[in-house]
Structure formats: structure tokens, C-alpha cells
């Protein structure tokens, strides 16, 4: 499977998102009304728009990106390795611009890979780029392209094997493939709390990087290649 994919032409990524404000009450009144309308059919019976706002990071119109982690495969003397780097911070525009600058240095044919990337990461990135007045880099711009011209890989989509009803979380897929789970500290539902209440961006960065590593390991399994050992994975520590 994926025999024609050159891993050195693949960038694995994951994003972490949170609601734009720490609480529903901080939103402008018109945005509160729009949130109420947007989420009306997603809320449980009796659940208010305010109570549901903890999930505000899921929707790109009401959330923001606080971390983008990426992984690049390299090979030296037939030994494969993975290099991880993160862009993160409170200023979403700066976080996204750093990621854009990275992509501009890469060939337009670079393949982007994420778990559930086609439904979440890729469109979320593009929408937030537009909202922030930033151009969409070639690797993410799919407008006018034919399906076979779009260089996007989605490990969840690959696992579906054509089954449109099947949703499989990264944690579940990692478990059935005997790959160490990335969810050993926090999970996606906790990111907003860790960001707004604990103000612990470093913890979120580590969590995001673990997702990238797990996605990369799953991609290797799809190619029938052995998993990377810890000494084959390098995390570029952020500059202080």
C-alpha cells in the first residue's frame, strides 16, 4: 500500500485549536447569536449555547489555531528518521505565518498528511488563513485541481478503504495497530481548559507533537515499514 509514496516528500502535521475567547460571555452579542444559530442542532437537549461553547475550537469561524506541529521524514544511509518542529503561541496570525513560511520553502508537490486532515486540519487551516488575511500556500490550495492532483494524505481516510460511514479516532487506530497512544496526558477535549485556565502552551505543544509522531508511525504501517524507534525521532526544541 502507498508503494509510490516517497516519505521524504511527505510532511505530517497536526493542529490544536481553542475557542477564541475564554468564555461565552466574552463574545460580542452578535457573535453569541451566531454561535447559538450555528450549534443549535449539535447541542444535546437542554444544553445552552453558553454550555456548548467549550467546543468552540472545533468550528473555524469561532476558534483559533494555537499550535501547528509538523514532521518531516529524512533518510541517511537507508536509515529513516523523523524531524519534528512546532509553531505555537497566543498570536494565531504569527503561528500560521510561520507555517506558511515553511511551506513556501518546500516544493509545491509536497504531500501533506494528517489524521482526519481532509475533514478538519486542512480546511481549518485554509479558513483561518483567509480570516487572518493570509494567502493560502500552494500545497493547501485545492481550488480548481483534479482529485488526483491534490497532494493530501489522510490516515483516517486511508483506513476507511472506501467506507464512508467509518470514523476511527487516532487513539483507536494506534491501539489496534499496537502503536503507543499519543493520548497519555491530555486529550482534545481538554485543550481549551489547558490553554485558557492553565495557560500551559508547552503542554499543548508536546501533545500536538505526539499526535504527529503517532500519525507518522501509522503511515509507516500503511507502507508495511517498521516503526521508528525513539532514537530515530528528533524534536526541534523551540528557541527561548
Protein backbone atom coordinates (compact mmCIF):
# COMPACT_ATOMS: atom_id res chain seq x y z
CA UNK A 1 0.00 0.00 0.00
CA UNK A 2 1.23 3.51 -0.86
CA UNK A 3 4.18 1.98 -2.71
CA UNK A 4 4.53 5.06 -4.91
CA UNK A 5 4.69 7.49 -1.99
CA UNK A 6 8.18 8.81 -1.21
CA UNK A 7 8.19 9.51 2.53
CA UNK A 8 10.82 12.20 2.07
CA UNK A 9 8.21 14.14 0.11
CA UNK A 10 5.66 13.94 2.94
CA UNK A 11 5.01 16.47 5.71
CA UNK A 12 2.95 15.10 8.59
CA UNK A 13 1.03 17.71 10.57
CA UNK A 14 -1.44 18.26 13.37
CA UNK A 15 -3.11 21.40 14.67
CA UNK A 16 -4.55 22.31 18.06
CA UNK A 17 -7.42 24.77 18.27
CA UNK A 18 -9.34 26.53 21.05
CA UNK A 19 -12.34 28.88 21.32
CA UNK A 20 -11.42 32.47 20.52
CA UNK A 21 -12.50 33.64 23.99
CA UNK A 22 -12.17 32.04 27.39
CA UNK A 23 -15.93 32.11 27.94
CA UNK A 24 -19.17 32.59 26.03
CA UNK A 25 -19.88 35.80 27.94
CA UNK A 26 -16.79 37.46 26.45
CA UNK A 27 -18.13 37.13 22.91
CA UNK A 28 -19.78 40.15 21.27
CA UNK A 29 -23.57 39.88 21.35
CA UNK A 30 -23.91 39.31 17.60
CA UNK A 31 -21.32 36.51 17.72
CA UNK A 32 -23.19 34.91 20.63
CA UNK A 33 -26.33 34.87 18.48
CA UNK A 34 -24.45 33.43 15.51
CA UNK A 35 -22.93 30.73 17.73
CA UNK A 36 -26.38 29.87 19.02
CA UNK A 37 -27.70 29.53 15.46
CA UNK A 38 -24.69 27.58 14.20
CA UNK A 39 -24.72 25.00 17.00
CA UNK A 40 -28.45 24.64 17.60
CA UNK A 41 -28.66 21.15 16.12
CA UNK A 42 -25.35 19.98 17.59
CA UNK A 43 -26.23 20.59 21.23
CA UNK A 44 -27.82 17.99 23.46
CA UNK A 45 -31.40 18.53 24.55
CA UNK A 46 -31.46 21.23 27.20
CA UNK A 47 -27.83 22.26 26.61
CA UNK A 48 -27.42 26.01 26.20
CA UNK A 49 -25.23 27.84 23.71
CA UNK A 50 -23.09 29.02 26.63
CA UNK A 51 -22.58 25.48 27.95
CA UNK A 52 -21.64 24.24 24.49
CA UNK A 53 -19.05 26.99 23.95
CA UNK A 54 -16.27 24.85 25.42
CA UNK A 55 -16.29 23.15 21.99
CA UNK A 56 -15.81 26.46 20.19
CA UNK A 57 -12.39 25.44 18.93
CA UNK A 58 -13.91 22.81 16.65
CA UNK A 59 -15.54 25.38 14.37
CA UNK A 60 -13.12 27.56 12.42
CA UNK A 61 -15.46 30.58 12.49
CA UNK A 62 -15.36 30.65 16.29
CA UNK A 63 -11.98 29.10 17.11
CA UNK A 64 -8.30 29.83 16.58
CA UNK A 65 -5.15 27.83 15.98
CA UNK A 66 -2.64 27.89 18.81
CA UNK A 67 -0.25 25.15 17.69
CA UNK A 68 0.85 23.56 14.42
CA UNK A 69 3.29 20.67 14.71
CA UNK A 70 4.95 19.15 11.65
CA UNK A 71 7.13 16.14 10.95
CA UNK A 72 9.48 15.60 8.02
CA UNK A 73 10.96 12.22 7.08
CA UNK A 74 14.64 12.07 6.19
CA UNK A 75 16.88 9.17 5.24
CA UNK A 76 20.63 8.71 5.66
CA UNK A 77 22.33 5.51 4.54
CA UNK A 78 18.96 3.74 4.34
CA UNK A 79 18.09 4.77 7.92
CA UNK A 80 14.78 6.60 8.15
CA UNK A 81 14.22 9.32 10.72
CA UNK A 82 11.57 11.89 11.62
CA UNK A 83 12.24 15.51 12.50
CA UNK A 84 9.51 17.32 14.47
CA UNK A 85 9.01 21.07 14.77
CA UNK A 86 6.20 23.16 16.26
CA UNK A 87 4.84 26.63 15.71
CA UNK A 88 2.74 27.79 18.62
CA UNK A 89 1.68 30.83 20.61
CA UNK A 90 -1.17 33.15 21.51
CA UNK A 91 -0.97 35.15 18.28
CA UNK A 92 -2.70 32.94 15.74
CA UNK A 93 -1.59 35.01 12.76
CA UNK A 94 2.09 34.61 13.74
CA UNK A 95 1.65 30.86 14.27
CA UNK A 96 0.05 30.41 10.86
CA UNK A 97 2.56 32.69 9.11
CA UNK A 98 5.46 30.63 10.44
CA UNK A 99 3.82 27.54 8.97
CA UNK A 100 3.21 29.33 5.65
CA UNK A 101 6.85 30.41 5.52
CA UNK A 102 7.89 26.78 6.00
CA UNK A 103 5.66 25.59 3.15
CA UNK A 104 6.96 28.30 0.82
CA UNK A 105 10.43 26.77 1.17
CA UNK A 106 9.10 23.37 0.12
CA UNK A 107 8.20 22.12 -3.38
CA UNK A 108 4.57 22.60 -4.43
CA UNK A 109 4.40 18.83 -4.87
CA UNK A 110 4.98 18.28 -1.13
CA UNK A 111 2.43 15.80 0.25
CA UNK A 112 0.59 16.88 3.40
CA UNK A 113 -0.55 14.13 5.77
CA UNK A 114 -2.81 14.31 8.83
CA UNK A 115 -5.31 12.11 10.64
CA UNK A 116 -8.78 13.34 9.63
CA UNK A 117 -6.92 16.08 7.80
CA UNK A 118 -9.34 16.29 4.89
CA UNK A 119 -12.29 16.94 7.20
CA UNK A 120 -10.54 19.07 9.84
CA UNK A 121 -6.89 20.18 9.70
CA UNK A 122 -6.61 21.18 6.03
CA UNK A 123 -9.89 23.15 5.68
CA UNK A 124 -9.48 24.67 9.15
CA UNK A 125 -6.04 25.98 8.22
CA UNK A 126 -7.32 27.45 4.95
CA UNK A 127 -10.30 29.16 6.58
CA UNK A 128 -8.18 30.71 9.32
CA UNK A 129 -5.67 31.88 6.71
CA UNK A 130 -8.46 33.68 4.87
CA UNK A 131 -9.86 35.14 8.10
CA UNK A 132 -6.38 36.45 9.01
CA UNK A 133 -5.85 37.93 5.53
CA UNK A 134 -3.10 35.47 4.62
CA UNK A 135 -2.64 33.75 1.28
CA UNK A 136 -3.16 30.00 1.03
CA UNK A 137 0.11 28.24 0.08
CA UNK A 138 0.13 26.03 -3.00
CA UNK A 139 0.22 22.79 -1.01
CA UNK A 140 -3.13 23.61 0.62
CA UNK A 141 -4.85 25.35 -2.27
CA UNK A 142 -7.04 22.71 -3.90
CA UNK A 143 -9.35 25.02 -5.85
CA UNK A 144 -9.58 24.01 -9.50
CA UNK A 145 -7.45 20.91 -9.01
CA UNK A 146 -8.49 17.46 -10.14
CA UNK A 147 -8.73 14.85 -7.36
CA UNK A 148 -5.51 13.13 -8.41
CA UNK A 149 -3.68 16.47 -8.38
CA UNK A 150 -4.39 17.09 -4.69
CA UNK A 151 -1.34 16.04 -2.67
CA UNK A 152 -3.12 15.29 0.60
CA UNK A 153 -2.97 12.08 2.62
CA UNK A 154 -5.39 11.34 5.44
CA UNK A 155 -4.65 8.30 7.60
CA UNK A 156 -8.27 8.10 8.71
CA UNK A 157 -9.43 8.23 5.09
CA UNK A 158 -6.93 5.53 4.17
CA UNK A 159 -8.28 3.33 6.97
CA UNK A 160 -11.82 3.67 5.63
CA UNK A 161 -10.97 1.73 2.46
CA UNK A 162 -14.00 3.31 0.78
CA UNK A 163 -16.35 3.03 3.78
CA UNK A 164 -17.91 6.49 4.07
CA UNK A 165 -19.61 5.71 7.40
CA UNK A 166 -16.48 4.80 9.29
CA UNK A 167 -14.91 7.28 11.74
CA UNK A 168 -11.85 5.99 13.58
CA UNK A 169 -10.02 8.16 16.11
CA UNK A 170 -6.24 8.41 16.13
CA UNK A 171 -6.19 6.77 19.56
CA UNK A 172 -8.25 3.78 18.42
CA UNK A 173 -6.27 3.28 15.22
CA UNK A 174 -2.99 3.47 17.13
CA UNK A 175 -4.28 0.89 19.62
CA UNK A 176 -5.38 -1.69 17.06
CA UNK A 177 -2.05 -1.29 15.24
CA UNK A 178 -0.14 -1.68 18.53
CA UNK A 179 1.36 1.78 18.24
CA UNK A 180 1.88 3.67 21.55
CA UNK A 181 -1.05 6.00 22.12
CA UNK A 182 -0.45 9.75 21.98
CA UNK A 183 -3.26 10.32 24.49
CA UNK A 184 -1.20 9.60 27.60
CA UNK A 185 -1.57 13.07 29.13
CA UNK A 186 -4.41 15.18 27.77
CA UNK A 187 -6.95 14.69 25.01
CA UNK A 188 -8.62 17.03 22.55
CA UNK A 189 -11.49 17.87 24.87
CA UNK A 190 -9.02 19.21 27.46
CA UNK A 191 -7.01 21.54 25.21
CA UNK A 192 -9.25 24.59 25.75
CA UNK A 193 -9.03 24.21 29.53
CA UNK A 194 -5.26 23.72 29.46
CA UNK A 195 -4.95 26.84 27.30
CA UNK A 196 -7.40 29.26 28.89
CA UNK A 197 -7.29 28.14 32.53
CA UNK A 198 -3.85 26.56 32.99
CA UNK A 199 -2.18 28.77 30.36
CA UNK A 200 0.14 25.87 29.57
CA UNK A 201 1.08 26.17 25.91
CA UNK A 202 4.09 23.91 26.38
CA UNK A 203 1.88 21.04 27.46
CA UNK A 204 -0.28 21.55 24.37
CA UNK A 205 2.81 21.65 22.15
CA UNK A 206 4.01 18.30 23.48
CA UNK A 207 0.54 16.81 22.99
CA UNK A 208 0.40 18.07 19.40
CA UNK A 209 3.86 16.66 18.63
CA UNK A 210 2.84 13.25 19.97
CA UNK A 211 -0.09 13.24 17.53
CA UNK A 212 2.30 13.94 14.66
CA UNK A 213 4.60 11.10 15.73
CA UNK A 214 1.67 8.69 16.01
CA UNK A 215 0.30 9.70 12.61
CA UNK A 216 3.74 9.18 11.09
CA UNK A 217 4.01 5.73 12.67
CA UNK A 218 0.59 4.80 11.26
CA UNK A 219 1.67 5.99 7.82
CA UNK A 220 4.71 3.71 8.05
CA UNK A 221 2.42 0.79 8.89
CA UNK A 222 0.36 1.50 5.76
CA UNK A 223 3.60 1.19 3.79
CA UNK A 224 4.50 -2.06 5.62
CA UNK A 225 7.58 -0.43 7.12
CA UNK A 226 8.86 -0.89 10.69
CA UNK A 227 8.02 1.69 13.32
CA UNK A 228 10.56 4.34 14.20
CA UNK A 229 12.44 3.92 17.47
CA UNK A 230 12.88 6.86 19.82
CA UNK A 231 16.42 7.50 18.59
CA UNK A 232 15.06 7.94 15.06
CA UNK A 233 12.83 10.81 16.16
CA UNK A 234 14.22 14.30 16.72
CA UNK A 235 12.19 17.13 18.23
CA UNK A 236 13.48 20.59 17.41
CA UNK A 237 13.21 22.45 20.70
CA UNK A 238 11.73 25.96 20.39
CA UNK A 239 14.10 28.86 20.83
CA UNK A 240 13.75 30.61 24.17
